[in-house]
């Protein structure tokens, strides 16, 4: 079974938010693709939930439709002896 990279859940969450924002704006796929800066094929892959986009690409696309992305990084939990 292939191991998913640590960024996979972040990318999935951002894809979901982008799809929801497209619905909020009532954009047709060709309009959404244009605003997101995606090709029609990429738009289709986004809708199908294919994990083909980098986090950078998704952040740029999200910004194009008014989504602000914030990230929090935390230190790993350490148990004290």
N, C-alpha and C. Protein backbone atom coordinates (compact mmCIF):
# COMPACT_ATOMS: atom_id res chain seq x y z
N UNK A 1 0.85 -1.18 0.00
CA UNK A 1 0.00 0.00 0.00
C UNK A 1 0.90 1.24 0.00
N UNK A 2 0.69 2.17 -0.96
CA UNK A 2 1.56 3.35 -1.03
C UNK A 2 1.30 4.30 0.14
N UNK A 3 2.39 4.83 0.65
CA UNK A 3 2.30 5.79 1.75
C UNK A 3 2.04 7.18 1.15
N UNK A 4 1.08 7.90 1.72
CA UNK A 4 0.77 9.24 1.25
C UNK A 4 1.73 10.23 1.89
N UNK A 5 2.18 11.22 1.12
CA UNK A 5 3.07 12.23 1.70
C UNK A 5 2.33 13.07 2.74
N UNK A 6 3.07 13.69 3.65
CA UNK A 6 2.45 14.50 4.70
C UNK A 6 1.58 15.64 4.16
N UNK A 7 1.86 16.09 2.93
CA UNK A 7 1.07 17.20 2.38
C UNK A 7 -0.28 16.75 1.81
N UNK A 8 -0.50 15.44 1.68
CA UNK A 8 -1.74 14.94 1.07
C UNK A 8 -3.01 15.44 1.78
N UNK A 9 -3.10 15.37 3.11
CA UNK A 9 -4.32 15.87 3.76
C UNK A 9 -4.51 17.37 3.56
N UNK A 10 -3.42 18.12 3.53
CA UNK A 10 -3.53 19.57 3.30
C UNK A 10 -4.05 19.85 1.89
N UNK A 11 -3.52 19.13 0.92
CA UNK A 11 -3.97 19.31 -0.46
C UNK A 11 -5.44 18.92 -0.61
N UNK A 12 -5.83 17.83 0.03
CA UNK A 12 -7.23 17.39 -0.04
C UNK A 12 -8.17 18.42 0.57
N UNK A 13 -7.77 18.97 1.70
CA UNK A 13 -8.60 19.98 2.37
C UNK A 13 -8.72 21.24 1.50
N UNK A 14 -7.63 21.63 0.91
CA UNK A 14 -7.66 22.83 0.07
C UNK A 14 -8.47 22.60 -1.20
N UNK A 15 -8.35 21.42 -1.79
CA UNK A 15 -9.17 21.09 -2.97
C UNK A 15 -10.66 21.19 -2.63
N UNK A 16 -11.02 20.63 -1.47
CA UNK A 16 -12.42 20.68 -1.05
C UNK A 16 -12.89 22.12 -0.87
N UNK A 17 -12.06 22.95 -0.27
CA UNK A 17 -12.43 24.36 -0.07
C UNK A 17 -12.57 25.09 -1.39
N UNK A 18 -11.69 24.79 -2.34
CA UNK A 18 -11.78 25.42 -3.66
C UNK A 18 -13.08 25.01 -4.36
N UNK A 19 -13.41 23.73 -4.31
CA UNK A 19 -14.65 23.24 -4.93
C UNK A 19 -15.86 23.91 -4.29
N UNK A 20 -15.85 24.04 -2.96
CA UNK A 20 -16.96 24.70 -2.27
C UNK A 20 -17.06 26.17 -2.67
N UNK A 21 -15.92 26.83 -2.82
CA UNK A 21 -15.93 28.25 -3.21
C UNK A 21 -16.47 28.41 -4.63
N UNK A 22 -16.13 27.49 -5.52
CA UNK A 22 -16.66 27.53 -6.88
C UNK A 22 -18.18 27.43 -6.84
N UNK A 23 -18.70 26.55 -6.00
CA UNK A 23 -20.15 26.40 -5.85
C UNK A 23 -20.77 27.67 -5.28
N UNK A 24 -20.12 28.27 -4.27
CA UNK A 24 -20.63 29.52 -3.67
C UNK A 24 -20.74 30.62 -4.72
N UNK A 25 -19.74 30.67 -5.60
CA UNK A 25 -19.72 31.70 -6.64
C UNK A 25 -20.58 31.35 -7.84
N UNK A 26 -21.13 30.12 -7.83
CA UNK A 26 -21.98 29.63 -8.92
C UNK A 26 -21.27 29.71 -10.28
N UNK A 27 -20.00 29.30 -10.28
CA UNK A 27 -19.21 29.33 -11.51
C UNK A 27 -19.37 28.03 -12.28
N UNK A 28 -19.48 28.16 -13.58
CA UNK A 28 -19.44 26.98 -14.45
C UNK A 28 -17.98 26.53 -14.51
N UNK A 29 -17.77 25.27 -14.88
CA UNK A 29 -16.41 24.75 -14.87
C UNK A 29 -15.45 25.56 -15.74
N UNK A 30 -15.88 26.00 -16.91
CA UNK A 30 -14.98 26.77 -17.77
C UNK A 30 -14.65 28.12 -17.14
N UNK A 31 -15.62 28.72 -16.44
CA UNK A 31 -15.37 29.99 -15.75
C UNK A 31 -14.42 29.78 -14.57
N UNK A 32 -14.67 28.72 -13.82
CA UNK A 32 -13.82 28.41 -12.67
C UNK A 32 -12.39 28.14 -13.12
N UNK A 33 -12.25 27.34 -14.17
CA UNK A 33 -10.91 27.03 -14.68
C UNK A 33 -10.17 28.31 -15.05
N UNK A 34 -10.85 29.19 -15.72
CA UNK A 34 -10.24 30.46 -16.13
C UNK A 34 -9.80 31.28 -14.92
N UNK A 35 -10.68 31.40 -13.93
CA UNK A 35 -10.36 32.20 -12.75
C UNK A 35 -9.26 31.55 -11.91
N UNK A 36 -9.27 30.22 -11.85
CA UNK A 36 -8.26 29.52 -11.06
C UNK A 36 -6.91 29.47 -11.75
N UNK A 37 -6.91 29.73 -13.06
CA UNK A 37 -5.67 29.62 -13.82
C UNK A 37 -5.37 28.18 -14.20
N UNK A 38 -6.42 27.37 -14.36
CA UNK A 38 -6.28 25.96 -14.72
C UNK A 38 -6.76 25.72 -16.14
N UNK A 39 -6.26 24.66 -16.73
CA UNK A 39 -6.80 24.22 -18.02
C UNK A 39 -8.10 23.48 -17.75
N UNK A 40 -8.93 23.28 -18.79
CA UNK A 40 -10.16 22.50 -18.58
C UNK A 40 -9.87 21.09 -18.05
N UNK A 41 -8.79 20.46 -18.52
CA UNK A 41 -8.43 19.14 -18.04
C UNK A 41 -8.04 19.15 -16.57
N UNK A 42 -7.30 20.17 -16.16
CA UNK A 42 -6.93 20.30 -14.75
C UNK A 42 -8.17 20.54 -13.89
N UNK A 43 -9.11 21.33 -14.40
CA UNK A 43 -10.34 21.59 -13.68
C UNK A 43 -11.09 20.28 -13.46
N UNK A 44 -11.13 19.46 -14.48
CA UNK A 44 -11.79 18.16 -14.38
C UNK A 44 -11.12 17.28 -13.33
N UNK A 45 -9.80 17.27 -13.31
CA UNK A 45 -9.07 16.47 -12.32
C UNK A 45 -9.30 17.00 -10.90
N UNK A 46 -9.40 18.32 -10.77
CA UNK A 46 -9.71 18.90 -9.46
C UNK A 46 -11.07 18.43 -8.99
N UNK A 47 -12.06 18.48 -9.86
CA UNK A 47 -13.43 18.04 -9.52
C UNK A 47 -13.48 16.57 -9.16
N UNK A 48 -12.66 15.76 -9.83
CA UNK A 48 -12.65 14.32 -9.60
C UNK A 48 -11.84 13.94 -8.37
N UNK A 49 -11.19 14.92 -7.76
CA UNK A 49 -10.43 14.67 -6.55
C UNK A 49 -9.09 13.99 -6.78
N UNK A 50 -8.60 14.09 -8.00
CA UNK A 50 -7.30 13.48 -8.29
C UNK A 50 -6.20 14.27 -7.58
N UNK A 51 -5.29 13.56 -6.98
CA UNK A 51 -4.21 14.16 -6.20
C UNK A 51 -3.02 14.44 -7.10
N UNK A 52 -3.19 15.42 -7.99
CA UNK A 52 -2.14 15.71 -8.98
C UNK A 52 -1.56 17.11 -8.85
N UNK A 53 -2.07 17.89 -7.92
CA UNK A 53 -1.65 19.28 -7.78
C UNK A 53 -0.66 19.44 -6.63
N UNK A 54 0.31 20.31 -6.82
CA UNK A 54 1.20 20.64 -5.72
C UNK A 54 0.48 21.59 -4.77
N UNK A 55 0.96 21.65 -3.56
CA UNK A 55 0.38 22.57 -2.58
C UNK A 55 0.54 24.00 -3.06
N UNK A 56 1.68 24.33 -3.64
CA UNK A 56 1.89 25.68 -4.18
C UNK A 56 0.84 26.02 -5.23
N UNK A 57 0.58 25.09 -6.13
CA UNK A 57 -0.38 25.33 -7.22
C UNK A 57 -1.78 25.56 -6.65
N UNK A 58 -2.15 24.77 -5.65
CA UNK A 58 -3.47 24.91 -5.05
C UNK A 58 -3.60 26.23 -4.29
N UNK A 59 -2.55 26.65 -3.61
CA UNK A 59 -2.58 27.93 -2.90
C UNK A 59 -2.76 29.07 -3.89
N UNK A 60 -2.04 29.01 -5.00
CA UNK A 60 -2.19 30.05 -6.03
C UNK A 60 -3.60 30.06 -6.60
N UNK A 61 -4.14 28.88 -6.90
CA UNK A 61 -5.50 28.79 -7.45
C UNK A 61 -6.51 29.32 -6.45
N UNK A 62 -6.35 28.96 -5.18
CA UNK A 62 -7.26 29.42 -4.14
C UNK A 62 -7.25 30.95 -4.04
N UNK A 63 -6.07 31.53 -4.08
CA UNK A 63 -5.95 32.98 -3.99
C UNK A 63 -6.67 33.66 -5.16
N UNK A 64 -6.65 33.01 -6.31
CA UNK A 64 -7.30 33.59 -7.50
C UNK A 64 -8.81 33.72 -7.35
N UNK A 65 -9.41 32.95 -6.43
CA UNK A 65 -10.86 33.07 -6.22
C UNK A 65 -11.19 33.56 -4.81
N UNK A 66 -10.23 34.23 -4.19
CA UNK A 66 -10.50 34.93 -2.94
C UNK A 66 -10.34 34.12 -1.67
N UNK A 67 -9.69 32.99 -1.75
CA UNK A 67 -9.46 32.19 -0.54
C UNK A 67 -8.08 32.55 0.02
N UNK A 68 -8.04 32.89 1.29
CA UNK A 68 -6.78 33.15 1.96
C UNK A 68 -6.35 31.87 2.67
N UNK A 69 -5.14 31.45 2.42
CA UNK A 69 -4.62 30.23 3.05
C UNK A 69 -3.65 30.62 4.15
N UNK A 70 -3.87 30.07 5.33
CA UNK A 70 -2.97 30.28 6.45
C UNK A 70 -2.48 28.92 6.90
N UNK A 71 -1.25 28.86 7.33
CA UNK A 71 -0.66 27.60 7.75
C UNK A 71 -0.07 27.76 9.14
N UNK A 72 -0.21 26.72 9.93
CA UNK A 72 0.38 26.69 11.25
C UNK A 72 1.28 25.46 11.32
N UNK A 73 2.50 25.67 11.74
CA UNK A 73 3.43 24.57 11.92
C UNK A 73 3.70 24.42 13.40
N UNK A 74 3.66 23.20 13.88
CA UNK A 74 3.89 22.95 15.29
C UNK A 74 5.05 21.97 15.48
N UNK A 75 5.63 22.03 16.65
CA UNK A 75 6.69 21.07 16.96
C UNK A 75 6.05 19.73 17.27
N UNK A 76 6.77 18.66 17.02
CA UNK A 76 6.24 17.34 17.37
C UNK A 76 6.04 17.22 18.87
N UNK A 77 5.04 16.47 19.25
CA UNK A 77 4.77 16.21 20.65
C UNK A 77 5.88 15.33 21.21
N UNK A 78 6.40 15.70 22.34
CA UNK A 78 7.45 14.90 22.99
C UNK A 78 6.96 14.47 24.37
N UNK A 79 7.16 13.21 24.62
CA UNK A 79 6.85 12.70 25.97
C UNK A 79 8.07 12.90 26.84
N UNK A 80 7.83 13.37 28.02
CA UNK A 80 8.93 13.54 28.98
C UNK A 80 9.03 12.29 29.83
N UNK A 81 10.25 11.82 30.06
CA UNK A 81 10.43 10.59 30.87
C UNK A 81 9.99 10.75 32.30
